Structures are given as structure tokens and as C-alpha cells.
Amino acid sequence: VQLQASGGGEVQAGGSLRLSCAVSGLTTIDNFMNWFRQAPGKEREFVAGIKWREGKTSYADFVKGRFTISRVSAKNTVYLLMNSLEPEDTAVYFCASSNEKVNTAAGARYWGQGTLVTVSS
């Protein structure tokens, strides 16, 4: 099973990035795909999740309508569009699958390798 995250980089505050996570090696996609992030010295935290079949989404409160999670089923790929980025969003972003709706890292099943997002002020 492989979750390949990409799209990270450095952007100035107020800018945008779109992260991608391509899933391979699963006979069927887990029920949920999620994005987490981990800033230096902090615990990994939930950012957003999407129920694969229905496309129903959930977000952490700090997203404040700035981020959008989506998926393209035909490509087995989930995206995270991040707008109005703030320096506090600087972190390594991970995609992860889960069988249930989660809001903590403990509930995730498979993890991608992470992609670094750096937001400069």
C-alpha cells in the first residue's frame, strides 16, 4: 500500500498551495481519506477528512474555511487546497486513510510520507 503525497513547498503568507495524495496498492480505498499535519515540536493533528464514496467532508476548526479537501475517484487521488496560508500553517502535511471518521492520528491506518509546507511572513 502506498500513499504518495506531493505539492508542498514554500509560499508567502496569504498564498495558496494544493497538495495531492495518490493511493495505490489497495484493492478498495478505505472509507475515509484524511490530511494531518505536524509542526516542529508539536503533535500530529487532524486537518481535514473526506468520506470516499459520498464525498462528505470534515475540517479542523483552525481551517476556518481556508482549506478544501476533495478527491478524484478515477485517479485514486485526494487533494487539499490551502488558501490564505499563515505562518502558523507551516508543517509537514501527511495523507492517511482510515476505515472510520477520525480526528486524531491514532485512528489512521495507512500513512503517506509527508510533504513540507513552509509559509513565510
PDB file of N, CA and C in Angstrom:
ATOM      1  N   VAL A   1       0.861  -1.184   0.000  1.00  0.00           N
ATOM      2  CA  VAL A   1       0.000   0.000   0.000  1.00  0.00           C
ATOM      3  C   VAL A   1       0.898   1.234   0.000  1.00  0.00           C
ATOM      4  N   GLN A   2       0.569   2.166  -0.855  1.00  0.00           N
ATOM      5  CA  GLN A   2       1.387   3.359  -0.962  1.00  0.00           C
ATOM      6  C   GLN A   2       0.490   4.587  -1.059  1.00  0.00           C
ATOM      7  N   LEU A   3       0.782   5.563  -0.215  1.00  0.00           N
ATOM      8  CA  LEU A   3       0.138   6.870  -0.300  1.00  0.00           C
ATOM      9  C   LEU A   3       1.247   7.869  -0.605  1.00  0.00           C
ATOM     10  N   GLN A   4       1.188   8.458  -1.750  1.00  0.00           N
ATOM     11  CA  GLN A   4       2.258   9.343  -2.209  1.00  0.00           C
ATOM     12  C   GLN A   4       1.773  10.783  -2.173  1.00  0.00           C
ATOM     13  N   ALA A   5       2.278  11.539  -1.203  1.00  0.00           N
ATOM     14  CA  ALA A   5       1.887  12.941  -1.068  1.00  0.00           C
ATOM     15  C   ALA A   5       2.868  13.833  -1.824  1.00  0.00           C
ATOM     16  N   SER A   6       2.349  14.890  -2.388  1.00  0.00           N
ATOM     17  CA  SER A   6       3.184  15.849  -3.108  1.00  0.00           C
ATOM     18  C   SER A   6       2.514  17.210  -3.088  1.00  0.00           C
ATOM     19  N   GLY A   7       3.255  18.216  -3.542  1.00  0.00           N
ATOM     20  CA  GLY A   7       2.684  19.538  -3.678  1.00  0.00           C
ATOM     21  C   GLY A   7       3.127  20.552  -2.645  1.00  0.00           C
ATOM     22  N   GLY A   8       3.909  20.111  -1.664  1.00  0.00           N
ATOM     23  CA  GLY A   8       4.390  21.047  -0.667  1.00  0.00           C
ATOM     24  C   GLY A   8       5.409  22.007  -1.252  1.00  0.00           C
ATOM     25  N   GLY A   9       5.751  23.011  -0.478  1.00  0.00           N
ATOM     26  CA  GLY A   9       6.731  23.989  -0.916  1.00  0.00           C
ATOM     27  C   GLY A   9       6.709  25.193  -0.011  1.00  0.00           C
ATOM     28  N   GLU A  10       7.353  26.230  -0.462  1.00  0.00           N
ATOM     29  CA  GLU A  10       7.408  27.472   0.313  1.00  0.00           C
ATOM     30  C   GLU A  10       6.540  28.520  -0.360  1.00  0.00           C
ATOM     31  N   VAL A  11       5.754  29.192   0.453  1.00  0.00           N
ATOM     32  CA  VAL A  11       4.846  30.214  -0.062  1.00  0.00           C
ATOM     33  C   VAL A  11       4.787  31.353   0.949  1.00  0.00           C
ATOM     34  N   GLN A  12       4.496  32.541   0.481  1.00  0.00           N
ATOM     35  CA  GLN A  12       4.352  33.681   1.381  1.00  0.00           C
ATOM     36  C   GLN A  12       2.971  33.684   2.026  1.00  0.00           C
ATOM     37  N   ALA A  13       2.879  34.303   3.166  1.00  0.00           N
ATOM     38  CA  ALA A  13       1.598  34.408   3.864  1.00  0.00           C
ATOM     39  C   ALA A  13       0.550  35.001   2.926  1.00  0.00           C
ATOM     40  N   GLY A  14      -0.635  34.420   2.973  1.00  0.00           N
ATOM     41  CA  GLY A  14      -1.712  34.834   2.080  1.00  0.00           C
ATOM     42  C   GLY A  14      -1.769  34.044   0.788  1.00  0.00           C
ATOM     43  N   GLY A  15      -0.742  33.257   0.527  1.00  0.00           N
ATOM     44  CA  GLY A  15      -0.692  32.477  -0.698  1.00  0.00           C
ATOM     45  C   GLY A  15      -1.451  31.170  -0.607  1.00  0.00           C
ATOM     46  N   SER A  16      -1.345  30.380  -1.666  1.00  0.00           N
ATOM     47  CA  SER A  16      -2.091  29.122  -1.769  1.00  0.00           C
ATOM     48  C   SER A  16      -1.173  27.992  -2.226  1.00  0.00           C
ATOM     49  N   LEU A  17      -1.538  26.794  -1.823  1.00  0.00           N
ATOM     50  CA  LEU A  17      -0.894  25.578  -2.301  1.00  0.00           C
ATOM     51  C   LEU A  17      -1.951  24.500  -2.439  1.00  0.00           C
ATOM     52  N   ARG A  18      -1.716  23.568  -3.343  1.00  0.00           N
ATOM     53  CA  ARG A  18      -2.586  22.403  -3.442  1.00  0.00           C
ATOM     54  C   ARG A  18      -1.753  21.149  -3.259  1.00  0.00           C
ATOM     55  N   LEU A  19      -2.088  20.382  -2.262  1.00  0.00           N
ATOM     56  CA  LEU A  19      -1.427  19.116  -2.009  1.00  0.00           C
ATOM     57  C   LEU A  19      -2.197  17.989  -2.672  1.00  0.00           C
ATOM     58  N   SER A  20      -1.456  16.975  -3.095  1.00  0.00           N
ATOM     59  CA  SER A  20      -2.067  15.794  -3.708  1.00  0.00           C
ATOM     60  C   SER A  20      -1.586  14.547  -2.980  1.00  0.00           C
ATOM     61  N   CYS A  21      -2.437  13.541  -2.973  1.00  0.00           N
ATOM     62  CA  CYS A  21      -2.071  12.257  -2.379  1.00  0.00           C
ATOM     63  C   CYS A  21      -2.627  11.155  -3.271  1.00  0.00           C
ATOM     64  N   ALA A  22      -1.748  10.448  -3.928  1.00  0.00           N
ATOM     65  CA  ALA A  22      -2.144   9.351  -4.816  1.00  0.00           C
ATOM     66  C   ALA A  22      -2.059   8.039  -4.053  1.00  0.00           C
ATOM     67  N   VAL A  23      -3.111   7.249  -4.137  1.00  0.00           N
ATOM     68  CA  VAL A  23      -3.201   5.995  -3.400  1.00  0.00           C
ATOM     69  C   VAL A  23      -3.062   4.830  -4.370  1.00  0.00           C
ATOM     70  N   SER A  24      -2.205   3.881  -4.016  1.00  0.00           N
ATOM     71  CA  SER A  24      -2.057   2.684  -4.840  1.00  0.00           C
ATOM     72  C   SER A  24      -1.871   1.471  -3.932  1.00  0.00           C
ATOM     73  N   GLY A  25      -2.168   0.310  -4.486  1.00  0.00           N
ATOM     74  CA  GLY A  25      -1.933  -0.916  -3.742  1.00  0.00           C
ATOM     75  C   GLY A  25      -3.080  -1.362  -2.867  1.00  0.00           C
ATOM     76  N   LEU A  26      -4.160  -0.617  -2.870  1.00  0.00           N
ATOM     77  CA  LEU A  26      -5.332  -1.027  -2.106  1.00  0.00           C
ATOM     78  C   LEU A  26      -6.371  -1.595  -3.064  1.00  0.00           C
ATOM     79  N   THR A  27      -6.958  -2.722  -2.719  1.00  0.00           N
ATOM     80  CA  THR A  27      -7.999  -3.291  -3.559  1.00  0.00           C
ATOM     81  C   THR A  27      -9.189  -2.344  -3.623  1.00  0.00           C
ATOM     82  N   THR A  28      -9.531  -1.834  -2.469  1.00  0.00           N
ATOM     83  CA  THR A  28     -10.544  -0.791  -2.395  1.00  0.00           C
ATOM     84  C   THR A  28     -10.028   0.313  -1.481  1.00  0.00           C
ATOM     85  N   ILE A  29     -10.365   1.517  -1.803  1.00  0.00           N
ATOM     86  CA  ILE A  29      -9.965   2.646  -0.959  1.00  0.00           C
ATOM     87  C   ILE A  29     -10.658   2.514   0.396  1.00  0.00           C
ATOM     88  N   ASP A  30      -9.913   2.811   1.448  1.00  0.00           N
ATOM     89  CA  ASP A  30     -10.527   2.868   2.760  1.00  0.00           C
ATOM     90  C   ASP A  30     -11.684   3.866   2.742  1.00  0.00           C
ATOM     91  N   ASN A  31     -12.554   3.774   3.726  1.00  0.00           N
ATOM     92  CA  ASN A  31     -13.756   4.607   3.733  1.00  0.00           C
ATOM     93  C   ASN A  31     -13.447   6.100   3.741  1.00  0.00           C
ATOM     94  N   PHE A  32     -12.361   6.480   4.405  1.00  0.00           N
ATOM     95  CA  PHE A  32     -12.031   7.889   4.558  1.00  0.00           C
ATOM     96  C   PHE A  32     -10.583   8.143   4.150  1.00  0.00           C
ATOM     97  N   MET A  33     -10.362   9.302   3.571  1.00  0.00           N
ATOM     98  CA  MET A  33      -9.006   9.798   3.347  1.00  0.00           C
ATOM     99  C   MET A  33      -8.884  11.105   4.108  1.00  0.00           C
ATOM    100  N   ASN A  34      -7.713  11.293   4.699  1.00  0.00           N
ATOM    101  CA  ASN A  34      -7.527  12.418   5.608  1.00  0.00           C
ATOM    102  C   ASN A  34      -6.201  13.125   5.353  1.00  0.00           C
ATOM    103  N   TRP A  35      -6.150  14.356   5.790  1.00  0.00           N
ATOM    104  CA  TRP A  35      -4.891  15.095   5.859  1.00  0.00           C
ATOM    105  C   TRP A  35      -4.625  15.448   7.318  1.00  0.00           C
ATOM    106  N   PHE A  36      -3.384  15.220   7.716  1.00  0.00           N
ATOM    107  CA  PHE A  36      -2.895  15.630   9.026  1.00  0.00           C
ATOM    108  C   PHE A  36      -1.684  16.525   8.806  1.00  0.00           C
ATOM    109  N   ARG A  37      -1.262  17.189   9.859  1.00  0.00           N
ATOM    110  CA  ARG A  37      -0.027  17.966   9.781  1.00  0.00           C
ATOM    111  C   ARG A  37       0.698  17.893  11.107  1.00  0.00           C
ATOM    112  N   GLN A  38       1.998  18.099  11.013  1.00  0.00           N
ATOM    113  CA  GLN A  38       2.821  18.103  12.210  1.00  0.00           C
ATOM    114  C   GLN A  38       3.865  19.200  12.105  1.00  0.00           C
ATOM    115  N   ALA A  39       3.749  20.160  13.000  1.00  0.00           N
ATOM    116  CA  ALA A  39       4.716  21.251  13.071  1.00  0.00           C
ATOM    117  C   ALA A  39       5.853  20.845  14.002  1.00  0.00           C
ATOM    118  N   PRO A  40       7.030  21.457  13.851  1.00  0.00           N
ATOM    119  CA  PRO A  40       8.164  21.100  14.717  1.00  0.00           C
ATOM    120  C   PRO A  40       7.811  21.227  16.194  1.00  0.00           C
ATOM    121  N   GLY A  41       8.085  20.179  16.945  1.00  0.00           N
ATOM    122  CA  GLY A  41       7.843  20.200  18.374  1.00  0.00           C
ATOM    123  C   GLY A  41       6.400  20.019  18.787  1.00  0.00           C
ATOM    124  N   LYS A  42       5.528  19.763  17.823  1.00  0.00           N
ATOM    125  CA  LYS A  42       4.101  19.609  18.139  1.00  0.00           C
ATOM    126  C   LYS A  42       3.617  18.232  17.724  1.00  0.00           C
ATOM    127  N   GLU A  43       2.479  17.853  18.255  1.00  0.00           N
ATOM    128  CA  GLU A  43       1.883  16.570  17.895  1.00  0.00           C
ATOM    129  C   GLU A  43       1.232  16.660  16.517  1.00  0.00           C
ATOM    130  N   ARG A  44       1.101  15.513  15.902  1.00  0.00           N
ATOM    131  CA  ARG A  44       0.416  15.445  14.620  1.00  0.00           C
ATOM    132  C   ARG A  44      -1.069  15.724  14.854  1.00  0.00           C
ATOM    133  N   GLU A  45      -1.644  16.594  14.023  1.00  0.00           N
ATOM    134  CA  GLU A  45      -3.040  16.981  14.218  1.00  0.00           C
ATOM    135  C   GLU A  45      -3.851  16.822  12.934  1.00  0.00           C
ATOM    136  N   PHE A  46      -5.110  16.549  13.142  1.00  0.00           N
ATOM    137  CA  PHE A  46      -6.056  16.386  12.034  1.00  0.00           C
ATOM    138  C   PHE A  46      -6.297  17.723  11.359  1.00  0.00           C
ATOM    139  N   VAL A  47      -6.345  17.696  10.024  1.00  0.00           N
ATOM    140  CA  VAL A  47      -6.637  18.902   9.246  1.00  0.00           C
ATOM    141  C   VAL A  47      -7.997  18.781   8.555  1.00  0.00           C
ATOM    142  N   ALA A  48      -8.170  17.699   7.795  1.00  0.00           N
ATOM    143  CA  ALA A  48      -9.408  17.524   7.024  1.00  0.00           C
ATOM    144  C   ALA A  48      -9.578  16.062   6.657  1.00  0.00           C
ATOM    145  N   GLY A  49     -10.823  15.669   6.431  1.00  0.00           N
ATOM    146  CA  GLY A  49     -11.111  14.305   6.017  1.00  0.00           C
ATOM    147  C   GLY A  49     -12.250  14.290   5.019  1.00  0.00           C
ATOM    148  N   ILE A  50     -12.293  13.235   4.206  1.00  0.00           N
ATOM    149  CA  ILE A  50     -13.354  13.095   3.217  1.00  0.00           C
ATOM    150  C   ILE A  50     -13.801  11.637   3.162  1.00  0.00           C
ATOM    151  N   LYS A  51     -15.097  11.432   3.173  1.00  0.00           N
ATOM    152  CA  LYS A  51     -15.644  10.094   3.031  1.00  0.00           C
ATOM    153  C   LYS A  51     -15.612   9.757   1.548  1.00  0.00           C
ATOM    154  N   TRP A  52     -14.892   8.686   1.197  1.00  0.00           N
ATOM    155  CA  TRP A  52     -14.537   8.483  -0.198  1.00  0.00           C
ATOM    156  C   TRP A  52     -15.739   8.363  -1.119  1.00  0.00           C
ATOM    157  N   ARG A  53     -16.705   7.548  -0.766  1.00  0.00           N
ATOM    158  CA  ARG A  53     -17.837   7.313  -1.672  1.00  0.00           C
ATOM    159  C   ARG A  53     -18.728   8.547  -1.809  1.00  0.00           C
ATOM    160  N   GLU A  54     -19.126   9.127  -0.661  1.00  0.00           N
ATOM    161  CA  GLU A  54     -20.099  10.221  -0.701  1.00  0.00           C
ATOM    162  C   GLU A  54     -19.461  11.584  -0.908  1.00  0.00           C
ATOM    163  N   GLY A  55     -18.178  11.694  -0.601  1.00  0.00           N
ATOM    164  CA  GLY A  55     -17.526  12.988  -0.716  1.00  0.00           C
ATOM    165  C   GLY A  55     -17.816  13.924   0.444  1.00  0.00           C
ATOM    166  N   LYS A  56     -18.412  13.416   1.509  1.00  0.00           N
ATOM    167  CA  LYS A  56     -18.709  14.258   2.665  1.00  0.00           C
ATOM    168  C   LYS A  56     -17.412  14.619   3.375  1.00  0.00           C
ATOM    169  N   THR A  57     -17.290  15.893   3.748  1.00  0.00           N
ATOM    170  CA  THR A  57     -16.029  16.399   4.275  1.00  0.00           C
ATOM    171  C   THR A  57     -16.145  16.849   5.728  1.00  0.00           C
ATOM    172  N   SER A  58     -15.008  16.884   6.406  1.00  0.00           N
ATOM    173  CA  SER A  58     -14.933  17.436   7.754  1.00  0.00           C
ATOM    174  C   SER A  58     -13.597  18.159   7.886  1.00  0.00           C
ATOM    175  N   TYR A  59     -13.577  19.165   8.765  1.00  0.00           N
ATOM    176  CA  TYR A  59     -12.393  20.009   8.888  1.00  0.00           C
ATOM    177  C   TYR A  59     -12.116  20.326  10.351  1.00  0.00           C
ATOM    178  N   ALA A  60     -10.836  20.548  10.633  1.00  0.00           N
ATOM    179  CA  ALA A  60     -10.460  21.071  11.934  1.00  0.00           C
ATOM    180  C   ALA A  60     -10.912  22.528  12.034  1.00  0.00           C
ATOM    181  N   ASP A  61     -11.182  22.957  13.247  1.00  0.00           N
ATOM    182  CA  ASP A  61     -11.681  24.324  13.449  1.00  0.00           C
ATOM    183  C   ASP A  61     -10.703  25.365  12.914  1.00  0.00           C
ATOM    184  N   PHE A  62      -9.405  25.106  13.025  1.00  0.00           N
ATOM    185  CA  PHE A  62      -8.435  26.133  12.634  1.00  0.00           C
ATOM    186  C   PHE A  62      -8.399  26.347  11.122  1.00  0.00           C
ATOM    187  N   VAL A  63      -9.035  25.465  10.365  1.00  0.00           N
ATOM    188  CA  VAL A  63      -9.080  25.630   8.912  1.00  0.00           C
ATOM    189  C   VAL A  63      -9.868  26.878   8.542  1.00  0.00           C
ATOM    190  N   LYS A  64     -10.950  27.158   9.287  1.00  0.00           N
ATOM    191  CA  LYS A  64     -11.721  28.398   9.163  1.00  0.00           C
ATOM    192  C   LYS A  64     -12.150  28.674   7.732  1.00  0.00           C
ATOM    193  N   GLY A  65     -12.486  27.662   6.982  1.00  0.00           N
ATOM    194  CA  GLY A  65     -12.935  27.851   5.619  1.00  0.00           C
ATOM    195  C   GLY A  65     -11.823  28.135   4.627  1.00  0.00           C
ATOM    196  N   ARG A  66     -10.579  28.041   5.052  1.00  0.00           N
ATOM    197  CA  ARG A  66      -9.468  28.340   4.151  1.00  0.00           C
ATOM    198  C   ARG A  66      -9.048  27.147   3.302  1.00  0.00           C
ATOM    199  N   PHE A  67      -9.266  25.943   3.825  1.00  0.00           N
ATOM    200  CA  PHE A  67      -8.808  24.730   3.145  1.00  0.00           C
ATOM    201  C   PHE A  67     -10.001  23.961   2.591  1.00  0.00           C
ATOM    202  N   THR A  68      -9.760  23.251   1.476  1.00  0.00           N
ATOM    203  CA  THR A  68     -10.796  22.402   0.881  1.00  0.00           C
ATOM    204  C   THR A  68     -10.199  21.054   0.529  1.00  0.00           C
ATOM    205  N   ILE A  69     -10.810  19.998   1.030  1.00  0.00           N
ATOM    206  CA  ILE A  69     -10.391  18.639   0.681  1.00  0.00           C
ATOM    207  C   ILE A  69     -11.331  18.120  -0.395  1.00  0.00           C
ATOM    208  N   SER A  70     -10.767  17.406  -1.345  1.00  0.00           N
ATOM    209  CA  SER A  70     -11.561  16.834  -2.432  1.00  0.00           C
ATOM    210  C   SER A  70     -10.887  15.567  -2.909  1.00  0.00           C
ATOM    211  N   ARG A  71     -11.578  14.826  -3.766  1.00  0.00           N
ATOM    212  CA  ARG A  71     -10.962  13.618  -4.332  1.00  0.00           C
ATOM    213  C   ARG A  71     -11.451  13.405  -5.753  1.00  0.00           C
ATOM    214  N   VAL A  72     -10.625  12.726  -6.517  1.00  0.00           N
ATOM    215  CA  VAL A  72     -10.994  12.278  -7.855  1.00  0.00           C
ATOM    216  C   VAL A  72     -10.900  10.765  -7.817  1.00  0.00           C
ATOM    217  N   SER A  73     -12.043  10.119  -7.771  1.00  0.00           N
ATOM    218  CA  SER A  73     -12.084   8.668  -7.585  1.00  0.00           C
ATOM    219  C   SER A  73     -11.361   7.931  -8.702  1.00  0.00           C
ATOM    220  N   ALA A  74     -11.529   8.413  -9.931  1.00  0.00           N
ATOM    221  CA  ALA A  74     -10.927   7.722 -11.069  1.00  0.00           C
ATOM    222  C   ALA A  74      -9.404   7.722 -10.988  1.00  0.00           C
ATOM    223  N   LYS A  75      -8.860   8.678 -10.273  1.00  0.00           N
ATOM    224  CA  LYS A  75      -7.406   8.765 -10.138  1.00  0.00           C
ATOM    225  C   LYS A  75      -6.920   8.252  -8.786  1.00  0.00           C
ATOM    226  N   ASN A  76      -7.845   7.807  -7.929  1.00  0.00           N
ATOM    227  CA  ASN A  76      -7.466   7.393  -6.569  1.00  0.00           C
ATOM    228  C   ASN A  76      -6.603   8.451  -5.904  1.00  0.00           C
ATOM    229  N   THR A  77      -7.016   9.690  -6.042  1.00  0.00           N
ATOM    230  CA  THR A  77      -6.214  10.805  -5.545  1.00  0.00           C
ATOM    231  C   THR A  77      -7.076  11.737  -4.707  1.00  0.00           C
ATOM    232  N   VAL A  78      -6.523  12.172  -3.595  1.00  0.00           N
ATOM    233  CA  VAL A  78      -7.188  13.146  -2.734  1.00  0.00           C
ATOM    234  C   VAL A  78      -6.342  14.418  -2.718  1.00  0.00           C
ATOM    235  N   TYR A  79      -7.012  15.547  -2.639  1.00  0.00           N
ATOM    236  CA  TYR A  79      -6.344  16.844  -2.711  1.00  0.00           C
ATOM    237  C   TYR A  79      -6.653  17.666  -1.465  1.00  0.00           C
ATOM    238  N   LEU A  80      -5.763  18.599  -1.177  1.00  0.00           N
ATOM    239  CA  LEU A  80      -6.018  19.596  -0.142  1.00  0.00           C
ATOM    240  C   LEU A  80      -5.620  20.948  -0.712  1.00  0.00           C
ATOM    241  N   LEU A  81      -6.619  21.755  -1.012  1.00  0.00           N
ATOM    242  CA  LEU A  81      -6.376  23.109  -1.486  1.00  0.00           C
ATOM    243  C   LEU A  81      -6.318  24.025  -0.277  1.00  0.00           C
ATOM    244  N   MET A  82      -5.207  24.713  -0.128  1.00  0.00           N
ATOM    245  CA  MET A  82      -4.996  25.577   1.032  1.00  0.00           C
ATOM    246  C   MET A  82      -4.867  27.017   0.563  1.00  0.00           C
ATOM    247  N   ASN A  83      -5.792  27.847   0.975  1.00  0.00           N
ATOM    248  CA  ASN A  83      -5.789  29.269   0.647  1.00  0.00           C
ATOM    249  C   ASN A  83      -5.501  30.102   1.903  1.00  0.00           C
ATOM    250  N   SER A  84      -5.158  31.344   1.690  1.00  0.00           N
ATOM    251  CA  SER A  84      -4.909  32.280   2.800  1.00  0.00           C
ATOM    252  C   SER A  84      -3.974  31.676   3.835  1.00  0.00           C
ATOM    253  N   LEU A  85      -2.895  31.118   3.356  1.00  0.00           N
ATOM    254  CA  LEU A  85      -1.963  30.440   4.259  1.00  0.00           C
ATOM    255  C   LEU A  85      -1.318  31.422   5.225  1.00  0.00           C
ATOM    256  N   GLU A  86      -1.085  30.933   6.429  1.00  0.00           N
ATOM    257  CA  GLU A  86      -0.485  31.718   7.500  1.00  0.00           C
ATOM    258  C   GLU A  86       0.801  31.039   7.951  1.00  0.00           C
ATOM    259  N   PRO A  87       1.721  31.788   8.530  1.00  0.00           N
ATOM    260  CA  PRO A  87       2.957  31.159   9.029  1.00  0.00           C
ATOM    261  C   PRO A  87       2.678  29.991   9.982  1.00  0.00           C
ATOM    262  N   GLU A  88       1.576  30.074  10.703  1.00  0.00           N
ATOM    263  CA  GLU A  88       1.214  29.006  11.636  1.00  0.00           C
ATOM    264  C   GLU A  88       0.827  27.699  10.922  1.00  0.00           C
ATOM    265  N   ASP A  89       0.622  27.766   9.622  1.00  0.00           N
ATOM    266  CA  ASP A  89       0.310  26.562   8.850  1.00  0.00           C
ATOM    267  C   ASP A  89       1.569  25.795   8.445  1.00  0.00           C
ATOM    268  N   THR A  90       2.729  26.334   8.742  1.00  0.00           N
ATOM    269  CA  THR A  90       3.974  25.660   8.425  1.00  0.00           C
ATOM    270  C   THR A  90       4.060  24.329   9.155  1.00  0.00           C
ATOM    271  N   ALA A  91       4.228  23.247   8.389  1.00  0.00           N
ATOM    272  CA  ALA A  91       4.242  21.907   8.960  1.00  0.00           C
ATOM    273  C   ALA A  91       4.539  20.904   7.853  1.00  0.00           C
ATOM    274  N   VAL A  92       4.797  19.681   8.260  1.00  0.00           N
ATOM    275  CA  VAL A  92       4.790  18.570   7.321  1.00  0.00           C
ATOM    276  C   VAL A  92       3.361  18.050   7.252  1.00  0.00           C
ATOM    277  N   TYR A  93       2.832  17.950   6.059  1.00  0.00           N
ATOM    278  CA  TYR A  93       1.458  17.508   5.848  1.00  0.00           C
ATOM    279  C   TYR A  93       1.474  16.050   5.382  1.00  0.00           C
ATOM    280  N   PHE A  94       0.643  15.254   6.025  1.00  0.00           N
ATOM    281  CA  PHE A  94       0.544  13.824   5.733  1.00  0.00           C
ATOM    282  C   PHE A  94      -0.856  13.470   5.276  1.00  0.00           C
ATOM    283  N   CYS A  95      -0.941  12.584   4.288  1.00  0.00           N
ATOM    284  CA  CYS A  95      -2.239  11.998   3.991  1.00  0.00           C
ATOM    285  C   CYS A  95      -2.301  10.630   4.666  1.00  0.00           C
ATOM    286  N   ALA A  96      -3.496  10.228   5.014  1.00  0.00           N
ATOM    287  CA  ALA A  96      -3.682   8.969   5.726  1.00  0.00           C
ATOM    288  C   ALA A  96      -5.080   8.447   5.457  1.00  0.00           C
ATOM    289  N   SER A  97      -5.203   7.140   5.410  1.00  0.00           N
ATOM    290  CA  SER A  97      -6.516   6.530   5.218  1.00  0.00           C
ATOM    291  C   SER A  97      -7.033   5.999   6.550  1.00  0.00           C
ATOM    292  N   SER A  98      -8.335   5.832   6.607  1.00  0.00           N
ATOM    293  CA  SER A  98      -8.948   5.272   7.808  1.00  0.00           C
ATOM    294  C   SER A  98     -10.258   4.602   7.432  1.00  0.00           C
ATOM    295  N   ASN A  99     -10.655   3.650   8.259  1.00  0.00           N
ATOM    296  CA  ASN A  99     -11.922   2.974   7.998  1.00  0.00           C
ATOM    297  C   ASN A  99     -13.091   3.703   8.637  1.00  0.00           C
ATOM    298  N   GLU A 100     -12.796   4.515   9.638  1.00  0.00           N
ATOM    299  CA  GLU A 100     -13.833   5.287  10.312  1.00  0.00           C
ATOM    300  C   GLU A 100     -13.473   6.762  10.228  1.00  0.00           C
ATOM    301  N   LYS A 101     -14.447   7.597  10.488  1.00  0.00           N
ATOM    302  CA  LYS A 101     -14.173   9.026  10.580  1.00  0.00           C
ATOM    303  C   LYS A 101     -13.256   9.268  11.767  1.00  0.00           C
ATOM    304  N   VAL A 102     -12.198  10.016  11.566  1.00  0.00           N
ATOM    305  CA  VAL A 102     -11.223  10.244  12.619  1.00  0.00           C
ATOM    306  C   VAL A 102     -10.970  11.735  12.780  1.00  0.00           C
ATOM    307  N   ASN A 103     -10.483  12.104  13.951  1.00  0.00           N
ATOM    308  CA  ASN A 103      -9.962  13.448  14.149  1.00  0.00           C
ATOM    309  C   ASN A 103      -8.681  13.424  14.957  1.00  0.00           C
ATOM    310  N   THR A 104      -8.105  12.228  15.105  1.00  0.00           N
ATOM    311  CA  THR A 104      -6.790  12.080  15.717  1.00  0.00           C
ATOM    312  C   THR A 104      -5.969  11.109  14.891  1.00  0.00           C
ATOM    313  N   ALA A 105      -4.657  11.237  15.008  1.00  0.00           N
ATOM    314  CA  ALA A 105      -3.764  10.385  14.234  1.00  0.00           C
ATOM    315  C   ALA A 105      -3.878   8.912  14.615  1.00  0.00           C
ATOM    316  N   ALA A 106      -4.313   8.651  15.836  1.00  0.00           N
ATOM    317  CA  ALA A 106      -4.393   7.269  16.308  1.00  0.00           C
ATOM    318  C   ALA A 106      -5.371   6.438  15.496  1.00  0.00           C
ATOM    319  N   GLY A 107      -6.329   7.082  14.862  1.00  0.00           N
ATOM    320  CA  GLY A 107      -7.348   6.343  14.128  1.00  0.00           C
ATOM    321  C   GLY A 107      -6.977   6.016  12.692  1.00  0.00           C
ATOM    322  N   ALA A 108      -5.876   6.561  12.195  1.00  0.00           N
ATOM    323  CA  ALA A 108      -5.499   6.355  10.802  1.00  0.00           C
ATOM    324  C   ALA A 108      -4.862   4.988  10.600  1.00  0.00           C
ATOM    325  N   ARG A 109      -4.993   4.472   9.385  1.00  0.00           N
ATOM    326  CA  ARG A 109      -4.492   3.117   9.113  1.00  0.00           C
ATOM    327  C   ARG A 109      -3.211   3.162   8.288  1.00  0.00           C
ATOM    328  N   TYR A 110      -3.255   3.764   7.115  1.00  0.00           N
ATOM    329  CA  TYR A 110      -2.077   3.863   6.262  1.00  0.00           C
ATOM    330  C   TYR A 110      -1.674   5.328   6.129  1.00  0.00           C
ATOM    331  N   TRP A 111      -0.352   5.542   6.088  1.00  0.00           N
ATOM    332  CA  TRP A 111       0.174   6.902   6.036  1.00  0.00           C
ATOM    333  C   TRP A 111       1.034   7.112   4.808  1.00  0.00           C
ATOM    334  N   GLY A 112       0.971   8.320   4.275  1.00  0.00           N
ATOM    335  CA  GLY A 112       1.916   8.743   3.269  1.00  0.00           C
ATOM    336  C   GLY A 112       3.175   9.278   3.936  1.00  0.00           C
ATOM    337  N   GLN A 113       4.144   9.671   3.133  1.00  0.00           N
ATOM    338  CA  GLN A 113       5.458  10.047   3.656  1.00  0.00           C
ATOM    339  C   GLN A 113       5.529  11.492   4.118  1.00  0.00           C
ATOM    340  N   GLY A 114       4.565  12.307   3.806  1.00  0.00           N
ATOM    341  CA  GLY A 114       4.580  13.700   4.232  1.00  0.00           C
ATOM    342  C   GLY A 114       5.193  14.616   3.195  1.00  0.00           C
ATOM    343  N   THR A 115       4.686  15.826   3.161  1.00  0.00           N
ATOM    344  CA  THR A 115       5.220  16.856   2.279  1.00  0.00           C
ATOM    345  C   THR A 115       5.288  18.165   3.073  1.00  0.00           C
ATOM    346  N   LEU A 116       6.419  18.854   2.974  1.00  0.00           N
ATOM    347  CA  LEU A 116       6.669  20.033   3.794  1.00  0.00           C
ATOM    348  C   LEU A 116       6.040  21.275   3.188  1.00  0.00           C
ATOM    349  N   VAL A 117       5.300  21.986   4.005  1.00  0.00           N
ATOM    350  CA  VAL A 117       4.734  23.279   3.638  1.00  0.00           C
ATOM    351  C   VAL A 117       5.358  24.337   4.545  1.00  0.00           C
ATOM    352  N   THR A 118       5.955  25.338   3.936  1.00  0.00           N
ATOM    353  CA  THR A 118       6.570  26.427   4.686  1.00  0.00           C
ATOM    354  C   THR A 118       5.918  27.729   4.259  1.00  0.00           C
ATOM    355  N   VAL A 119       5.377  28.456   5.215  1.00  0.00           N
ATOM    356  CA  VAL A 119       4.721  29.722   4.941  1.00  0.00           C
ATOM    357  C   VAL A 119       5.527  30.831   5.596  1.00  0.00           C
ATOM    358  N   SER A 120       6.033  31.725   4.797  1.00  0.00           N
ATOM    359  CA  SER A 120       6.865  32.808   5.313  1.00  0.00           C
ATOM    360  C   SER A 120       6.040  34.080   5.474  1.00  0.00           C
ATOM    361  N   SER A 121       6.410  34.863   6.470  1.00  0.00           N
ATOM    362  CA  SER A 121       5.648  36.095   6.751  1.00  0.00           C
ATOM    363  C   SER A 121       6.178  37.270   5.959  1.00  0.00           C
TER     364      SER A 121
END
